[in-house]
Amino acid sequence: MRFDERFIEELKARLRPSDVIGRSVKLKRQGREFVGLSPFAKEKSPSFFVNDDKGFFHDFSSGKHGDIISFLQETERLSFVEAVSRLAAEAGMQMPAEDPQAAEREQRRAGLSDWMDLAQKWFAANLRRQTGGATREYLEKRGLPEDQWERFGLGYAPNDREGLKNALIQRGAKPGELVEAGLLISPEGGGQPYDRFRDRLMFPIHD
């Protein structure tokens, strides 16, 4: 379920972080902020701060930072929707009705993301196969040894118009989905889609 940004902003405006967080963390006012012991790490000196004016918490001991929604997610292992639902009840706000079309779009986006994840794994596997030999040499020359390839999710797209396409179709993908995901190109004049990325080093963008 996706929420309108205005709904989330109003929800956070109605609730003070010190009230929400103060139910599970003993807070003491310190100037314009509240301070307490970290709920994420064992400590003797308080390093957990809550700022009502800015609407966030920051924990110096663990580096965690967020708002009241992420706090409930972290401390009570709630999903985003569960955390919003609990806070909405506390704020006296009615949860918005779920939009079937929005849910369908979200499901479709999730499906396309799955195909992109599989594509990244396929590219990564090719980097270690015989076809990726020249690319492996290039990476070594550029100072990126093999122990760093997995860290960055690096891969190689072979010089094949239908290599990725065939691999993903065998896993159940439809050509139209792969075009929508940007993995295939659909010719303007008609004809079968073909791989967008060929004979190149691949750097996935995760965020």
Protein backbone atom coordinates (compact mmCIF):
# COMPACT_ATOMS: atom_id res chain seq x y z
CA MET A 1 0.00 0.00 0.00
CA ARG A 2 1.32 3.46 -0.93
CA PHE A 3 0.44 6.61 1.00
CA ASP A 4 0.01 10.13 -0.26
CA GLU A 5 2.91 12.27 0.94
CA ARG A 6 0.46 14.79 2.44
CA PHE A 7 -1.08 12.04 4.58
CA ILE A 8 2.32 11.08 5.98
CA GLU A 9 3.29 14.69 6.65
CA GLU A 10 0.02 15.41 8.48
CA LEU A 11 0.44 12.22 10.52
CA LYS A 12 3.89 13.27 11.67
CA ALA A 13 2.72 16.82 12.35
CA ARG A 14 0.00 15.56 14.73
CA LEU A 15 2.35 13.49 16.88
CA ARG A 16 5.37 14.63 18.84
CA PRO A 17 8.34 12.28 18.49
CA SER A 18 9.17 12.66 22.19
CA ASP A 19 5.70 11.37 23.09
CA VAL A 20 5.83 8.38 20.73
CA ILE A 21 9.43 7.45 21.47
CA GLY A 22 9.12 8.34 25.16
CA ARG A 23 6.83 5.36 25.70
CA SER A 24 9.74 2.96 25.21
CA VAL A 25 12.76 5.16 25.91
CA LYS A 26 13.17 7.18 29.10
CA LEU A 27 13.84 10.70 27.82
CA LYS A 28 15.10 13.76 29.63
CA ARG A 29 14.86 17.28 28.24
CA GLN A 30 18.20 18.84 27.37
CA GLY A 31 17.77 22.31 25.91
CA ARG A 32 15.58 22.06 22.81
CA GLU A 33 16.05 18.31 22.57
CA PHE A 34 15.40 15.17 24.57
CA VAL A 35 18.14 12.71 25.42
CA GLY A 36 18.12 9.12 26.63
CA LEU A 37 19.93 5.79 26.50
CA SER A 38 20.03 4.18 23.09
CA PRO A 39 17.35 1.54 22.43
CA PHE A 40 19.63 0.04 19.79
CA ALA A 41 22.84 -0.50 21.77
CA LYS A 42 23.96 -1.01 25.35
CA GLU A 43 25.47 2.17 26.77
CA LYS A 44 26.02 3.91 30.08
CA SER A 45 26.07 7.50 28.83
CA PRO A 46 23.05 8.79 26.86
CA SER A 47 23.73 9.30 23.15
CA PHE A 48 20.17 9.04 21.83
CA PHE A 49 18.56 12.38 20.91
CA VAL A 50 15.01 13.31 19.92
CA ASN A 51 14.14 16.65 18.36
CA ASP A 52 10.43 17.53 18.25
CA ASP A 53 10.95 20.67 16.17
CA LYS A 54 12.73 18.80 13.40
CA GLY A 55 10.71 15.62 13.84
CA PHE A 56 13.53 13.11 14.05
CA PHE A 57 15.65 10.99 16.35
CA HIS A 58 19.38 10.37 16.09
CA ASP A 59 21.35 7.67 17.85
CA PHE A 60 25.07 8.38 17.95
CA SER A 61 25.95 4.94 19.33
CA SER A 62 24.49 3.01 16.39
CA GLY A 63 24.27 5.73 13.74
CA LYS A 64 20.54 5.17 13.30
CA HIS A 65 18.47 8.20 12.32
CA GLY A 66 14.83 8.61 11.39
CA ASP A 67 11.30 9.69 12.24
CA ILE A 68 8.54 8.15 14.36
CA ILE A 69 7.61 5.72 11.59
CA SER A 70 11.10 4.31 11.17
CA PHE A 71 11.49 4.22 14.96
CA LEU A 72 8.54 1.82 15.29
CA GLN A 73 9.86 -0.20 12.37
CA GLU A 74 13.26 -0.52 14.03
CA THR A 75 12.19 -1.16 17.62
CA GLU A 76 9.03 -3.21 17.11
CA ARG A 77 9.89 -4.88 13.79
CA LEU A 78 6.79 -3.47 12.11
CA SER A 79 6.36 -3.02 8.39
CA PHE A 80 5.96 0.51 7.08
CA VAL A 81 2.20 0.04 6.66
CA GLU A 82 1.84 -1.44 10.16
CA ALA A 83 3.76 1.47 11.71
CA VAL A 84 1.67 4.05 9.83
CA SER A 85 -1.55 2.27 10.79
CA ARG A 86 -0.66 2.31 14.50
CA LEU A 87 0.36 5.96 14.45
CA ALA A 88 -2.72 6.97 12.46
CA ALA A 89 -4.95 5.41 15.12
CA GLU A 90 -3.07 7.33 17.79
CA ALA A 91 -3.37 10.57 15.85
CA GLY A 92 -7.10 10.05 15.20
CA MET A 93 -6.62 9.81 11.45
CA GLN A 94 -8.51 7.41 9.22
CA MET A 95 -6.32 5.26 7.01
CA PRO A 96 -6.85 6.08 3.32
CA ALA A 97 -8.75 3.55 1.26
CA GLU A 98 -6.48 1.41 -0.85
CA ASP A 99 -6.52 2.33 -4.53
CA PRO A 100 -6.81 -0.90 -6.58
CA GLN A 101 -5.10 0.73 -9.55
CA ALA A 102 -2.24 1.99 -7.35
CA ALA A 103 -1.86 -1.48 -5.85
CA GLU A 104 -1.71 -2.97 -9.35
CA ARG A 105 0.94 -0.43 -10.39
CA GLU A 106 2.97 -1.19 -7.27
CA GLN A 107 2.78 -4.91 -7.94
CA ARG A 108 3.89 -4.32 -11.52
CA ARG A 109 6.85 -2.19 -10.37
CA ALA A 110 7.85 -4.94 -7.96
CA GLY A 111 7.73 -7.47 -10.80
CA LEU A 112 9.96 -5.33 -13.01
CA SER A 113 12.39 -4.92 -10.13
CA ASP A 114 12.60 -8.70 -9.84
CA TRP A 115 13.60 -8.98 -13.50
CA MET A 116 16.25 -6.31 -13.02
CA ASP A 117 17.66 -8.20 -10.03
CA LEU A 118 17.87 -11.37 -12.13
CA ALA A 119 19.51 -9.40 -14.94
CA GLN A 120 22.17 -8.12 -12.53
CA LYS A 121 22.91 -11.69 -11.41
CA TRP A 122 23.15 -12.80 -15.05
CA PHE A 123 25.58 -9.99 -15.87
CA ALA A 124 27.65 -10.85 -12.78
CA ALA A 125 27.84 -14.51 -13.83
CA ASN A 126 29.00 -13.53 -17.33
CA LEU A 127 31.83 -11.48 -15.90
CA ARG A 128 33.34 -14.70 -14.52
CA ARG A 129 32.75 -16.77 -17.66
CA GLN A 130 35.08 -17.05 -20.63
CA THR A 131 33.18 -14.33 -22.48
CA GLY A 132 34.10 -11.80 -19.78
CA GLY A 133 37.85 -12.34 -19.98
CA ALA A 134 38.72 -8.98 -21.57
CA THR A 135 36.52 -7.14 -19.08
CA ARG A 136 38.20 -8.90 -16.14
CA GLU A 137 41.60 -7.77 -17.45
CA TYR A 138 40.26 -4.23 -17.82
CA LEU A 139 39.04 -4.18 -14.21
CA GLU A 140 42.40 -5.41 -12.94
CA LYS A 141 44.17 -2.65 -14.88
CA ARG A 142 41.79 -0.06 -13.42
CA GLY A 143 42.54 -1.22 -9.89
CA LEU A 144 39.33 -3.13 -9.17
CA PRO A 145 40.40 -6.64 -8.10
CA GLU A 146 38.03 -9.58 -8.05
CA ASP A 147 37.24 -9.28 -4.34
CA GLN A 148 35.55 -5.92 -5.11
CA TRP A 149 33.33 -7.07 -7.99
CA GLU A 150 30.62 -8.58 -5.81
CA ARG A 151 30.70 -5.59 -3.46
CA PHE A 152 29.66 -3.29 -6.31
CA GLY A 153 27.55 -5.86 -8.16
CA LEU A 154 29.69 -5.57 -11.29
CA GLY A 155 28.87 -7.61 -14.35
CA TYR A 156 29.41 -7.98 -18.07
CA ALA A 157 26.84 -7.77 -20.87
CA PRO A 158 28.09 -10.00 -23.71
CA ASN A 159 27.98 -8.92 -27.34
CA ASP A 160 24.74 -10.81 -27.98
CA ARG A 161 21.49 -9.22 -29.17
CA GLU A 162 19.32 -11.74 -27.35
CA GLY A 163 21.48 -13.23 -24.59
CA LEU A 164 19.75 -11.55 -21.63
CA LYS A 165 16.37 -11.65 -23.35
CA ASN A 166 16.48 -15.42 -23.81
CA ALA A 167 17.81 -16.00 -20.29
CA LEU A 168 14.97 -14.06 -18.66
CA ILE A 169 12.23 -15.38 -20.95
CA GLN A 170 13.27 -18.87 -19.87
CA ARG A 171 12.60 -17.71 -16.30
CA GLY A 172 9.09 -16.58 -17.23
CA ALA A 173 9.56 -12.94 -18.27
CA LYS A 174 7.59 -11.40 -21.11
CA PRO A 175 9.43 -9.28 -23.72
CA GLY A 176 7.08 -6.34 -23.04
CA GLU A 177 7.99 -6.37 -19.34
CA LEU A 178 11.69 -6.32 -20.15
CA VAL A 179 11.20 -3.40 -22.54
CA GLU A 180 9.32 -1.51 -19.80
CA ALA A 181 12.13 -2.26 -17.35
CA GLY A 182 14.64 -0.79 -19.82
CA LEU A 183 16.48 -4.06 -20.36
CA LEU A 184 15.36 -4.52 -23.97
CA ILE A 185 14.87 -2.11 -26.86
CA SER A 186 11.77 -2.36 -29.02
CA PRO A 187 12.57 -1.29 -32.63
CA GLU A 188 10.53 1.74 -33.77
CA GLY A 189 9.86 0.14 -37.12
CA GLY A 190 8.60 -3.08 -35.57
CA GLY A 191 10.31 -6.37 -35.08
CA GLN A 192 11.49 -8.34 -32.09
CA PRO A 193 12.96 -6.53 -29.04
CA TYR A 194 16.67 -7.00 -28.44
CA ASP A 195 19.13 -6.51 -25.55
CA ARG A 196 19.83 -2.87 -24.71
CA PHE A 197 23.23 -3.55 -23.13
CA ARG A 198 25.85 -5.38 -25.19
CA ASP A 199 29.61 -5.79 -24.84
CA ARG A 200 29.97 -3.53 -21.85
CA LEU A 201 30.87 -3.48 -18.19
CA MET A 202 27.76 -3.17 -16.02
CA PHE A 203 27.48 -1.09 -12.82
CA PRO A 204 24.04 -1.54 -11.22
CA ILE A 205 22.39 1.48 -9.57
CA HIS A 206 20.61 0.31 -6.41
CA ASP A 207 19.19 3.59 -5.14
